[in-house]
Amino acid sequence: MKETGYEIYRNLGLQNLRLLVGWQPDTGKLGPNLIDYLNNELNTEQYAEIEPEGFAYLGGVHIENNVVQFPETIFKVSEKNKLLILKSNLPRYEHHTFLNLILDVAERAGEITEIYTFGGIASLISHTYTRSISTVANQLRFKEQLTSYGLETDMNYESAPEQRPSISSFLSWNAKRRNISAVNLWILIPFYLATLADPQAIKRTLSFLNQRFNLDLDFTNIDKEINNQEMKLTILREQKPVINRYLSMLERGIMLNDDESNELSEEIVNYLTMN
């Protein structure tokens, strides 16, 4: 069914649907990798797509791994699990219109009762540090429901006066106006993995979703990615004592200065990219 600005490929009419949203780009590639993993594990089917015209910058082409990356906003659905899963590029223009269109398309699928957005936050932690998830909910009742999942539900944050709130915050506000419970989940990412991928952060988030929605996810592939990355970083520490010293400082809670942080990031990014 073709509509102005979007296309719906299947009629659903489901009740108690939960909308999961991953944005790209994202710190540690958390959002897009998380959504891809869920779509693969749950064998989702395409539900709808929002056209990029009017929202995305179309004056250039982004290339990643020798593949042209076009802006996209694609909804997929797992009817069995009552999950509507959205992977979307961040809008460049008309943010308010774009977010309301997301909610309009989602509500065409049925009754949306909860919305979960995901985002990585670069942090001065080591990759050996257990990833934590902080939450910002739009309703106190919803926040209280999440306290039993090991999440940090008392996050206090205020954007700087010159800084716009995140796109997830805007979506949460718009959802509240429609009386839809929404929560933004922010996952800590080691700063030196910010431009790469952080499979540990992805697994930490998947574990929450697995528990929340009884998804019976198979973590075999993500465990392999985690072990592979940890093995490479262990080899790098053995090869370069200065990198081992920087990582050991982070593990002991000792802050690095700017030069040390930059050197650590450059060495790790170069090594993981080439190996």
Protein backbone atom coordinates (compact mmCIF):
# COMPACT_ATOMS: atom_id res chain seq x y z
CA MET A 1 0.00 0.00 0.00
CA LYS A 2 1.66 3.19 -1.22
CA GLU A 3 1.05 6.35 0.79
CA THR A 4 2.60 9.81 0.66
CA GLY A 5 6.09 9.46 2.09
CA TYR A 6 5.93 5.77 2.98
CA GLU A 7 4.89 2.33 1.81
CA ILE A 8 3.25 -0.45 3.83
CA TYR A 9 3.84 -3.96 2.52
CA ARG A 10 1.53 -6.02 4.73
CA ASN A 11 -1.56 -5.54 6.89
CA LEU A 12 -1.07 -6.57 10.52
CA GLY A 13 -3.59 -5.21 13.03
CA LEU A 14 -1.73 -6.69 16.00
CA GLN A 15 -2.33 -5.88 19.67
CA ASN A 16 0.29 -5.13 22.34
CA LEU A 17 3.06 -4.38 19.82
CA ARG A 18 6.45 -3.19 21.07
CA LEU A 19 8.54 -0.94 18.80
CA LEU A 20 12.35 -1.33 18.91
CA VAL A 21 14.40 1.44 17.28
CA GLY A 22 18.06 1.45 16.27
CA TRP A 23 19.63 4.53 14.67
CA GLN A 24 22.58 4.69 12.33
CA PRO A 25 25.25 5.83 12.56
CA ASP A 26 25.70 5.03 16.24
CA THR A 27 28.57 4.83 18.72
CA GLY A 28 30.11 1.36 18.56
CA LYS A 29 27.67 0.61 15.71
CA LEU A 30 25.34 -0.50 18.47
CA GLY A 31 21.96 0.42 16.98
CA PRO A 32 22.31 -1.01 13.46
CA ASN A 33 24.20 -4.14 14.55
CA LEU A 34 21.67 -4.83 17.30
CA ILE A 35 18.74 -4.49 14.90
CA ASP A 36 20.45 -6.67 12.26
CA TYR A 37 21.07 -9.36 14.87
CA LEU A 38 17.46 -9.33 16.01
CA ASN A 39 16.10 -9.43 12.47
CA ASN A 40 18.29 -12.41 11.68
CA GLU A 41 17.54 -14.33 14.88
CA LEU A 42 13.79 -13.70 14.79
CA ASN A 43 13.34 -14.20 11.03
CA THR A 44 11.44 -10.95 10.75
CA GLU A 45 9.50 -9.88 7.66
CA GLN A 46 9.40 -6.44 6.11
CA TYR A 47 6.41 -4.38 7.18
CA ALA A 48 6.95 -0.83 5.90
CA GLU A 49 9.44 1.73 4.68
CA ILE A 50 9.61 5.52 4.92
CA GLU A 51 11.05 7.31 1.91
CA PRO A 52 14.16 9.44 2.64
CA GLU A 53 13.15 12.44 0.52
CA GLY A 54 12.67 15.50 2.68
CA PHE A 55 14.43 13.97 5.70
CA ALA A 56 17.84 12.70 4.56
CA TYR A 57 20.73 14.42 2.82
CA LEU A 58 20.75 13.07 -0.73
CA GLY A 59 23.50 15.26 -2.18
CA GLY A 60 26.28 12.71 -1.72
CA VAL A 61 27.01 9.01 -1.38
CA HIS A 62 28.43 7.29 1.67
CA ILE A 63 30.57 4.21 1.02
CA GLU A 64 31.38 1.64 3.71
CA ASN A 65 33.38 -1.53 3.03
CA ASN A 66 33.19 -0.75 -0.70
CA VAL A 67 29.38 -0.79 -0.59
CA VAL A 68 27.23 2.28 -1.26
CA GLN A 69 25.12 3.12 1.78
CA PHE A 70 21.78 4.76 1.02
CA PRO A 71 19.64 6.34 3.76
CA GLU A 72 16.83 4.05 4.85
CA THR A 73 14.03 3.79 7.38
CA ILE A 74 12.78 0.20 7.32
CA PHE A 75 10.31 -1.52 9.64
CA LYS A 76 10.33 -5.28 10.06
CA VAL A 77 8.01 -7.37 12.20
CA SER A 78 8.08 -10.53 14.27
CA GLU A 79 4.40 -11.37 14.59
CA LYS A 80 5.17 -14.28 16.91
CA ASN A 81 6.93 -12.02 19.42
CA LYS A 82 4.77 -8.94 18.75
CA LEU A 83 7.83 -6.85 17.95
CA LEU A 84 8.04 -4.11 15.36
CA ILE A 85 11.72 -3.48 14.63
CA LEU A 86 12.93 -0.26 13.04
CA LYS A 87 16.38 0.45 11.59
CA SER A 88 16.75 4.02 10.43
CA ASN A 89 19.29 6.61 9.43
CA LEU A 90 19.19 9.75 11.52
CA PRO A 91 17.15 12.47 9.82
CA ARG A 92 18.94 15.61 8.66
CA TYR A 93 15.81 17.74 8.20
CA GLU A 94 12.24 18.00 9.49
CA HIS A 95 12.89 16.01 12.66
CA HIS A 96 9.44 16.57 14.16
CA THR A 97 7.62 15.53 10.97
CA PHE A 98 9.89 12.50 10.58
CA LEU A 99 9.32 11.21 14.12
CA ASN A 100 5.56 11.65 13.92
CA LEU A 101 5.60 9.76 10.62
CA ILE A 102 7.48 6.91 12.33
CA LEU A 103 4.76 6.76 14.98
CA ASP A 104 1.99 7.00 12.36
CA VAL A 105 3.44 4.08 10.36
CA ALA A 106 4.02 2.05 13.53
CA GLU A 107 0.43 2.56 14.68
CA ARG A 108 -0.84 1.37 11.30
CA ALA A 109 0.57 -2.04 12.35
CA GLY A 110 -1.56 -2.16 15.48
CA GLU A 111 -1.61 -1.05 19.09
CA ILE A 112 1.87 0.17 20.07
CA THR A 113 2.18 -0.16 23.84
CA GLU A 114 5.94 0.31 24.36
CA ILE A 115 8.87 1.87 22.50
CA TYR A 116 12.54 1.07 23.11
CA THR A 117 15.35 3.07 21.53
CA PHE A 118 19.03 2.13 21.73
CA GLY A 119 22.19 4.21 21.63
CA GLY A 120 25.87 3.87 22.48
CA ILE A 121 27.72 6.36 24.67
CA ALA A 122 31.51 6.58 24.38
CA SER A 123 32.96 6.20 27.86
CA LEU A 124 36.39 6.12 29.54
CA ILE A 125 36.09 2.43 30.38
CA SER A 126 38.07 -0.64 29.37
CA HIS A 127 36.63 -3.37 27.16
CA THR A 128 37.07 -5.69 30.17
CA TYR A 129 34.49 -3.58 32.05
CA THR A 130 30.94 -4.95 32.30
CA ARG A 131 28.68 -2.88 30.07
CA SER A 132 25.97 -0.98 31.87
CA ILE A 133 22.66 0.25 30.50
CA SER A 134 21.15 3.53 31.66
CA THR A 135 17.52 4.32 30.96
CA VAL A 136 15.43 7.43 30.49
CA ALA A 137 11.70 6.63 30.48
CA ASN A 138 8.86 8.96 29.59
CA GLN A 139 6.54 7.61 32.29
CA LEU A 140 7.25 6.85 35.96
CA ARG A 141 5.16 3.67 35.83
CA PHE A 142 7.21 2.34 32.92
CA LYS A 143 10.46 3.22 34.68
CA GLU A 144 9.38 1.22 37.72
CA GLN A 145 8.63 -1.81 35.53
CA LEU A 146 12.26 -1.86 34.34
CA THR A 147 13.93 -1.78 37.76
CA SER A 148 14.09 -5.58 38.03
CA TYR A 149 16.28 -6.04 34.91
CA GLY A 150 19.59 -4.77 36.28
CA LEU A 151 19.33 -1.44 34.45
CA GLU A 152 20.36 1.93 35.85
CA THR A 153 17.00 3.64 36.07
CA ASP A 154 18.05 6.75 38.01
CA MET A 155 20.02 8.44 35.26
CA ASN A 156 20.02 12.25 35.60
CA TYR A 157 21.02 14.08 32.46
CA GLU A 158 20.40 17.51 30.98
CA SER A 159 21.53 18.63 27.55
CA ALA A 160 23.87 21.61 27.41
CA PRO A 161 22.07 24.86 26.47
CA GLU A 162 23.66 24.88 23.01
CA GLN A 163 23.10 21.15 22.43
CA ARG A 164 19.96 19.63 20.92
CA PRO A 165 18.42 16.68 22.77
CA SER A 166 18.97 13.31 21.10
CA ILE A 167 16.62 12.06 18.41
CA SER A 168 15.60 9.28 20.84
CA SER A 169 14.54 11.90 23.39
CA PHE A 170 12.39 13.65 20.80
CA LEU A 171 10.78 10.33 19.85
CA SER A 172 10.07 9.58 23.51
CA TRP A 173 8.43 12.97 23.99
CA ASN A 174 6.26 12.51 20.91
CA ALA A 175 5.29 9.03 22.12
CA LYS A 176 4.21 10.44 25.49
CA ARG A 177 1.84 12.82 23.72
CA ARG A 178 0.18 9.72 22.25
CA ASN A 179 0.15 8.00 25.67
CA ILE A 180 2.73 5.42 24.56
CA SER A 181 5.34 4.26 27.09
CA ALA A 182 8.87 4.79 25.80
CA VAL A 183 12.38 4.34 27.14
CA ASN A 184 15.78 5.34 25.80
CA LEU A 185 18.48 2.78 26.61
CA TRP A 186 22.05 4.13 26.63
CA ILE A 187 24.85 1.56 26.66
CA LEU A 188 28.42 2.43 27.66
CA ILE A 189 31.01 1.79 24.92
CA PRO A 190 34.80 1.93 25.46
CA PHE A 191 35.87 5.13 23.71
CA TYR A 192 38.44 3.32 21.60
CA LEU A 193 35.69 1.11 20.13
CA ALA A 194 33.41 4.05 19.32
CA THR A 195 34.08 3.93 15.57
CA LEU A 196 34.21 0.14 15.42
CA ALA A 197 31.81 -2.44 16.80
CA ASP A 198 31.34 -3.48 20.42
CA PRO A 199 29.86 -7.00 20.48
CA GLN A 200 29.86 -7.02 24.29
CA ALA A 201 27.55 -4.01 24.35
CA ILE A 202 25.32 -5.67 21.78
CA LYS A 203 25.10 -8.87 23.83
CA ARG A 204 24.38 -6.91 27.02
CA THR A 205 21.44 -5.21 25.28
CA LEU A 206 20.25 -8.44 23.67
CA SER A 207 20.29 -10.13 27.08
CA PHE A 208 17.93 -7.50 28.44
CA LEU A 209 15.57 -7.89 25.46
CA ASN A 210 15.77 -11.67 25.75
CA GLN A 211 14.69 -11.48 29.37
CA ARG A 212 12.06 -8.80 28.82
CA PHE A 213 10.32 -10.48 25.87
CA ASN A 214 11.23 -14.20 26.33
CA LEU A 215 12.83 -14.33 22.88
CA ASP A 216 14.95 -17.47 23.40
CA LEU A 217 17.83 -15.88 21.48
CA ASP A 218 20.89 -17.89 20.47
CA PHE A 219 24.07 -16.03 21.51
CA THR A 220 26.50 -18.39 19.76
CA ASN A 221 27.48 -15.98 16.99
CA ILE A 222 27.79 -12.92 19.22
CA ASP A 223 29.90 -14.94 21.70
CA LYS A 224 32.27 -15.80 18.86
CA GLU A 225 32.58 -12.12 17.97
CA ILE A 226 33.29 -11.23 21.59
CA ASN A 227 35.95 -13.93 21.98
CA ASN A 228 37.56 -12.97 18.69
CA GLN A 229 37.80 -9.30 19.62
CA GLU A 230 39.11 -10.07 23.12
CA MET A 231 41.75 -12.41 21.68
CA LYS A 232 42.97 -9.72 19.27
CA LEU A 233 43.18 -7.13 22.03
CA THR A 234 45.09 -9.58 24.23
CA ILE A 235 47.62 -10.13 21.44
CA LEU A 236 47.97 -6.37 20.95
CA ARG A 237 48.62 -5.90 24.68
CA GLU A 238 51.35 -8.53 24.50
CA GLN A 239 52.93 -6.93 21.45
CA LYS A 240 52.81 -3.32 22.67
CA PRO A 241 53.57 -2.72 26.36
CA VAL A 242 52.43 0.91 26.17
CA ILE A 243 48.94 -0.21 25.08
CA ASN A 244 48.85 -2.73 27.89
CA ARG A 245 49.83 0.06 30.32
CA TYR A 246 47.04 2.35 29.09
CA LEU A 247 44.44 -0.41 29.30
CA SER A 248 45.67 -1.42 32.74
CA MET A 249 45.28 2.18 33.89
CA LEU A 250 41.68 2.22 32.67
CA GLU A 251 41.01 -1.07 34.43
CA ARG A 252 42.28 0.46 37.68
CA GLY A 253 40.12 3.56 37.22
CA ILE A 254 43.03 5.85 36.33
CA MET A 255 42.21 8.53 33.78
CA LEU A 256 44.30 8.90 30.65
CA ASN A 257 45.31 12.30 29.34
CA ASP A 258 44.34 13.41 25.84
CA ASP A 259 47.57 12.24 24.20
CA GLU A 260 47.37 8.83 25.85
CA SER A 261 43.69 8.44 24.92
CA ASN A 262 44.37 9.38 21.30
CA GLU A 263 47.32 7.00 21.04
CA LEU A 264 45.31 4.15 22.55
CA SER A 265 42.39 4.74 20.18
CA GLU A 266 44.57 4.99 17.07
CA GLU A 267 46.52 1.83 17.90
CA ILE A 268 43.42 -0.24 18.64
CA VAL A 269 41.41 1.01 15.68
CA ASN A 270 44.31 0.36 13.29
CA TYR A 271 45.00 -3.09 14.72
CA LEU A 272 41.38 -4.29 14.75
CA THR A 273 40.75 -2.88 11.31
CA MET A 274 43.76 -4.64 9.81
CA ASN A 275 43.39 -7.98 11.64
